[in-house]
Amino acid sequence: MRMSIPAYVSLGIATVFVIFSFALGRNSQFLLTALPMLLVLLAVPLVMTEMNRRQMDKVDFASYKYRKIKELASLGAGEPVRIRGTIEAMSLRWLNRPNFRIRDDSGEIGVFMFWAPREDIKPGDKVEAAGSLRIGPTKKKNIWGVKMAKVSGGAKIK
């Protein structure tokens, strides 16, 4: 399991404050209060990540209709879709909510994941993604992804 960089930073800052405060006062009661709080700062992001991944594992690719990226232009917002393609670029991985640009032989689209995929996906990987079609602020269609997995060769994912 992994946490996002902001979660690590928050935990680090809080830990430094606790150590600094304890060094100044040497109050063991303070530690009895502060250490459980630090554990919560560690546990909450890890538990939330695991809960998100369990939800993702329940998603069945078969319940999403496969479409070519070019076909998505004729669909309305909210339509559940599944695509296959190659990762062209990715961003925001440090937030554990990565955004991908996926290309197939008919076009390219952005896929914004609600949670990080279980597999380490990077540019050049062939993937299958499922989610719902959304229209972004620039009126460009994107997919709000709920599941993504690598595809080996031309195999379909179940």
C-alpha atoms as a PDB file:
ATOM      1  CA  MET A   1       0.000   0.000   0.000  1.00  0.00           C
ATOM      2  CA  ARG A   2       1.118   3.510  -0.641  1.00  0.00           C
ATOM      3  CA  MET A   3       0.118   6.961   0.464  1.00  0.00           C
ATOM      4  CA  SER A   4       0.123  10.140  -1.530  1.00  0.00           C
ATOM      5  CA  ILE A   5       2.978  12.594  -1.204  1.00  0.00           C
ATOM      6  CA  PRO A   6       0.790  15.157   0.639  1.00  0.00           C
ATOM      7  CA  ALA A   7      -0.059  12.443   3.200  1.00  0.00           C
ATOM      8  CA  TYR A   8       3.658  11.694   3.705  1.00  0.00           C
ATOM      9  CA  VAL A   9       4.417  15.412   4.042  1.00  0.00           C
ATOM     10  CA  SER A  10       1.633  15.913   6.602  1.00  0.00           C
ATOM     11  CA  LEU A  11       2.849  12.934   8.617  1.00  0.00           C
ATOM     12  CA  GLY A  12       6.445  14.179   8.443  1.00  0.00           C
ATOM     13  CA  ILE A  13       5.576  17.711   9.566  1.00  0.00           C
ATOM     14  CA  ALA A  14       3.421  16.430  12.429  1.00  0.00           C
ATOM     15  CA  THR A  15       6.198  14.047  13.513  1.00  0.00           C
ATOM     16  CA  VAL A  16       8.759  16.864  13.533  1.00  0.00           C
ATOM     17  CA  PHE A  17       6.414  19.028  15.629  1.00  0.00           C
ATOM     18  CA  VAL A  18       5.842  16.188  18.105  1.00  0.00           C
ATOM     19  CA  ILE A  19       9.564  15.505  18.445  1.00  0.00           C
ATOM     20  CA  PHE A  20      10.338  19.216  18.812  1.00  0.00           C
ATOM     21  CA  SER A  21       7.562  19.748  21.372  1.00  0.00           C
ATOM     22  CA  PHE A  22       8.599  16.702  23.389  1.00  0.00           C
ATOM     23  CA  ALA A  23      12.249  17.779  23.337  1.00  0.00           C
ATOM     24  CA  LEU A  24      11.270  21.164  24.783  1.00  0.00           C
ATOM     25  CA  GLY A  25       8.991  19.903  27.550  1.00  0.00           C
ATOM     26  CA  ARG A  26       9.884  16.239  28.160  1.00  0.00           C
ATOM     27  CA  ASN A  27       6.247  15.604  29.056  1.00  0.00           C
ATOM     28  CA  SER A  28       5.313  11.929  28.770  1.00  0.00           C
ATOM     29  CA  GLN A  29       1.593  12.790  28.901  1.00  0.00           C
ATOM     30  CA  PHE A  30       2.094  14.791  25.714  1.00  0.00           C
ATOM     31  CA  LEU A  31       3.537  11.700  24.024  1.00  0.00           C
ATOM     32  CA  LEU A  32       0.590   9.585  25.185  1.00  0.00           C
ATOM     33  CA  THR A  33      -1.674  12.043  23.385  1.00  0.00           C
ATOM     34  CA  ALA A  34       0.463  12.821  20.329  1.00  0.00           C
ATOM     35  CA  LEU A  35       1.565   9.307  19.314  1.00  0.00           C
ATOM     36  CA  PRO A  36      -1.984   8.000  18.710  1.00  0.00           C
ATOM     37  CA  MET A  37      -2.633  11.109  16.616  1.00  0.00           C
ATOM     38  CA  LEU A  38       0.427  10.352  14.514  1.00  0.00           C
ATOM     39  CA  LEU A  39      -0.793   6.782  14.086  1.00  0.00           C
ATOM     40  CA  VAL A  40      -4.120   8.126  12.821  1.00  0.00           C
ATOM     41  CA  LEU A  41      -2.280  10.349  10.314  1.00  0.00           C
ATOM     42  CA  LEU A  42      -0.531   7.203   9.107  1.00  0.00           C
ATOM     43  CA  ALA A  43      -3.497   4.820   9.220  1.00  0.00           C
ATOM     44  CA  VAL A  44      -6.248   6.888   7.572  1.00  0.00           C
ATOM     45  CA  PRO A  45      -4.596   7.267   4.126  1.00  0.00           C
ATOM     46  CA  LEU A  46      -3.536   3.610   4.135  1.00  0.00           C
ATOM     47  CA  VAL A  47      -7.030   2.412   5.077  1.00  0.00           C
ATOM     48  CA  MET A  48      -8.671   4.694   2.509  1.00  0.00           C
ATOM     49  CA  THR A  49      -6.342   3.407  -0.219  1.00  0.00           C
ATOM     50  CA  GLU A  50      -7.157  -0.179   0.671  1.00  0.00           C
ATOM     51  CA  MET A  51     -10.891   0.551   0.712  1.00  0.00           C
ATOM     52  CA  ASN A  52     -10.638   2.181  -2.733  1.00  0.00           C
ATOM     53  CA  ARG A  53      -8.728  -0.784  -4.113  1.00  0.00           C
ATOM     54  CA  ARG A  54     -11.252  -3.260  -2.748  1.00  0.00           C
ATOM     55  CA  GLN A  55     -13.999  -1.264  -4.437  1.00  0.00           C
ATOM     56  CA  MET A  56     -11.986  -1.320  -7.680  1.00  0.00           C
ATOM     57  CA  ASP A  57     -11.605  -5.106  -7.435  1.00  0.00           C
ATOM     58  CA  LYS A  58     -15.412  -5.429  -7.458  1.00  0.00           C
ATOM     59  CA  VAL A  59     -15.648  -3.641 -10.817  1.00  0.00           C
ATOM     60  CA  ASP A  60     -16.187  -6.081 -13.678  1.00  0.00           C
ATOM     61  CA  PHE A  61     -14.889  -4.954 -17.066  1.00  0.00           C
ATOM     62  CA  ALA A  62     -17.648  -6.990 -18.750  1.00  0.00           C
ATOM     63  CA  SER A  63     -20.304  -4.645 -17.362  1.00  0.00           C
ATOM     64  CA  TYR A  64     -18.811  -1.778 -19.417  1.00  0.00           C
ATOM     65  CA  LYS A  65     -19.330  -1.764 -23.166  1.00  0.00           C
ATOM     66  CA  TYR A  66     -16.077  -1.719 -25.143  1.00  0.00           C
ATOM     67  CA  ARG A  67     -15.701   1.236 -27.494  1.00  0.00           C
ATOM     68  CA  LYS A  68     -13.056   2.753 -29.714  1.00  0.00           C
ATOM     69  CA  ILE A  69     -11.986   6.223 -28.607  1.00  0.00           C
ATOM     70  CA  LYS A  70     -13.371   7.770 -31.813  1.00  0.00           C
ATOM     71  CA  GLU A  71     -16.838   6.375 -30.968  1.00  0.00           C
ATOM     72  CA  LEU A  72     -16.915   8.271 -27.657  1.00  0.00           C
ATOM     73  CA  ALA A  73     -17.621  11.567 -29.447  1.00  0.00           C
ATOM     74  CA  SER A  74     -21.182  10.436 -30.205  1.00  0.00           C
ATOM     75  CA  LEU A  75     -21.951   9.407 -26.612  1.00  0.00           C
ATOM     76  CA  GLY A  76     -23.378  11.560 -23.848  1.00  0.00           C
ATOM     77  CA  ALA A  77     -21.868  12.373 -20.485  1.00  0.00           C
ATOM     78  CA  GLY A  78     -22.278   9.664 -17.860  1.00  0.00           C
ATOM     79  CA  GLU A  79     -22.197   6.797 -20.345  1.00  0.00           C
ATOM     80  CA  PRO A  80     -20.255   3.799 -18.943  1.00  0.00           C
ATOM     81  CA  VAL A  81     -17.411   2.915 -21.322  1.00  0.00           C
ATOM     82  CA  ARG A  82     -14.408   0.634 -21.593  1.00  0.00           C
ATOM     83  CA  ILE A  83     -11.419   1.319 -23.812  1.00  0.00           C
ATOM     84  CA  ARG A  84      -8.144  -0.368 -24.700  1.00  0.00           C
ATOM     85  CA  GLY A  85      -5.028   1.484 -25.722  1.00  0.00           C
ATOM     86  CA  THR A  86      -1.503   2.563 -24.969  1.00  0.00           C
ATOM     87  CA  ILE A  87      -0.548   4.997 -22.232  1.00  0.00           C
ATOM     88  CA  GLU A  88       0.899   8.085 -23.925  1.00  0.00           C
ATOM     89  CA  ALA A  89       1.432  10.201 -20.793  1.00  0.00           C
ATOM     90  CA  MET A  90       0.545  10.336 -17.136  1.00  0.00           C
ATOM     91  CA  SER A  91       0.396  12.960 -14.412  1.00  0.00           C
ATOM     92  CA  LEU A  92      -0.616  13.443 -10.764  1.00  0.00           C
ATOM     93  CA  ARG A  93       0.697  10.042  -9.761  1.00  0.00           C
ATOM     94  CA  TRP A  94       2.032  11.658  -6.580  1.00  0.00           C
ATOM     95  CA  LEU A  95      -1.584  12.251  -5.461  1.00  0.00           C
ATOM     96  CA  ASN A  96      -2.507   8.573  -5.871  1.00  0.00           C
ATOM     97  CA  ARG A  97      -5.128   9.821  -8.345  1.00  0.00           C
ATOM     98  CA  PRO A  98      -3.244   9.484 -11.629  1.00  0.00           C
ATOM     99  CA  ASN A  99      -4.386  10.985 -14.902  1.00  0.00           C
ATOM    100  CA  PHE A 100      -3.539   9.162 -18.110  1.00  0.00           C
ATOM    101  CA  ARG A 101      -3.600   9.981 -21.819  1.00  0.00           C
ATOM    102  CA  ILE A 102      -4.579   6.805 -23.647  1.00  0.00           C
ATOM    103  CA  ARG A 103      -4.338   6.314 -27.413  1.00  0.00           C
ATOM    104  CA  ASP A 104      -5.798   3.596 -29.578  1.00  0.00           C
ATOM    105  CA  ASP A 105      -5.788   3.374 -33.379  1.00  0.00           C
ATOM    106  CA  SER A 106      -8.753   5.784 -33.576  1.00  0.00           C
ATOM    107  CA  GLY A 107      -7.759   8.615 -31.236  1.00  0.00           C
ATOM    108  CA  GLU A 108      -6.673   9.767 -27.793  1.00  0.00           C
ATOM    109  CA  ILE A 109      -8.536  10.523 -24.542  1.00  0.00           C
ATOM    110  CA  GLY A 110      -7.788  11.427 -20.947  1.00  0.00           C
ATOM    111  CA  VAL A 111      -8.609   8.976 -18.173  1.00  0.00           C
ATOM    112  CA  PHE A 112      -8.760  10.438 -14.675  1.00  0.00           C
ATOM    113  CA  MET A 113      -8.623   7.669 -12.094  1.00  0.00           C
ATOM    114  CA  PHE A 114     -10.435   7.898  -8.759  1.00  0.00           C
ATOM    115  CA  TRP A 115      -7.716   5.755  -7.205  1.00  0.00           C
ATOM    116  CA  ALA A 116      -4.356   4.359  -8.249  1.00  0.00           C
ATOM    117  CA  PRO A 117      -4.415   1.072 -10.173  1.00  0.00           C
ATOM    118  CA  ARG A 118      -2.933  -1.948  -8.391  1.00  0.00           C
ATOM    119  CA  GLU A 119      -0.329  -2.391 -11.102  1.00  0.00           C
ATOM    120  CA  ASP A 120       2.502   0.029 -11.762  1.00  0.00           C
ATOM    121  CA  ILE A 121       1.324   1.535 -15.038  1.00  0.00           C
ATOM    122  CA  LYS A 122       3.613   3.820 -17.011  1.00  0.00           C
ATOM    123  CA  PRO A 123       3.810   5.362 -20.494  1.00  0.00           C
ATOM    124  CA  GLY A 124       4.076   2.727 -23.215  1.00  0.00           C
ATOM    125  CA  ASP A 125       1.978   0.119 -21.361  1.00  0.00           C
ATOM    126  CA  LYS A 126      -1.066  -1.340 -23.072  1.00  0.00           C
ATOM    127  CA  VAL A 127      -4.083  -1.064 -20.789  1.00  0.00           C
ATOM    128  CA  GLU A 128      -7.801  -1.524 -20.543  1.00  0.00           C
ATOM    129  CA  ALA A 129      -9.750   1.131 -18.636  1.00  0.00           C
ATOM    130  CA  ALA A 130     -13.367   1.352 -17.509  1.00  0.00           C
ATOM    131  CA  GLY A 131     -15.296   4.340 -16.251  1.00  0.00           C
ATOM    132  CA  SER A 132     -17.893   6.907 -17.189  1.00  0.00           C
ATOM    133  CA  LEU A 133     -17.651   9.512 -19.898  1.00  0.00           C
ATOM    134  CA  ARG A 134     -17.462  13.119 -18.688  1.00  0.00           C
ATOM    135  CA  ILE A 135     -17.189  16.497 -20.347  1.00  0.00           C
ATOM    136  CA  GLY A 136     -14.371  18.600 -18.903  1.00  0.00           C
ATOM    137  CA  PRO A 137     -14.203  22.375 -18.417  1.00  0.00           C
ATOM    138  CA  THR A 138     -12.792  22.777 -21.932  1.00  0.00           C
ATOM    139  CA  LYS A 139     -15.781  20.845 -23.367  1.00  0.00           C
ATOM    140  CA  LYS A 140     -13.399  18.004 -24.138  1.00  0.00           C
ATOM    141  CA  LYS A 141     -14.583  14.489 -23.273  1.00  0.00           C
ATOM    142  CA  ASN A 142     -12.660  12.454 -20.720  1.00  0.00           C
ATOM    143  CA  ILE A 143     -13.221   9.258 -18.811  1.00  0.00           C
ATOM    144  CA  TRP A 144     -13.537   9.200 -15.046  1.00  0.00           C
ATOM    145  CA  GLY A 145     -11.926   5.828 -14.517  1.00  0.00           C
ATOM    146  CA  VAL A 146     -12.855   3.297 -11.877  1.00  0.00           C
ATOM    147  CA  LYS A 147     -10.599   0.455 -13.028  1.00  0.00           C
ATOM    148  CA  MET A 148      -7.481   0.077 -15.139  1.00  0.00           C
ATOM    149  CA  ALA A 149      -5.317  -2.957 -15.801  1.00  0.00           C
ATOM    150  CA  LYS A 150      -2.448  -3.870 -18.085  1.00  0.00           C
ATOM    151  CA  VAL A 151      -3.229  -5.946 -21.161  1.00  0.00           C
ATOM    152  CA  SER A 152      -0.683  -8.471 -22.330  1.00  0.00           C
ATOM    153  CA  GLY A 153      -0.638  -8.761 -26.106  1.00  0.00           C
ATOM    154  CA  GLY A 154      -4.175  -8.640 -27.474  1.00  0.00           C
ATOM    155  CA  ALA A 155      -5.782 -10.547 -24.601  1.00  0.00           C
ATOM    156  CA  LYS A 156      -9.045  -9.289 -23.179  1.00  0.00           C
ATOM    157  CA  ILE A 157      -9.337  -8.689 -19.463  1.00  0.00           C
ATOM    158  CA  LYS A 158     -12.250 -10.219 -17.615  1.00  0.00           C
END
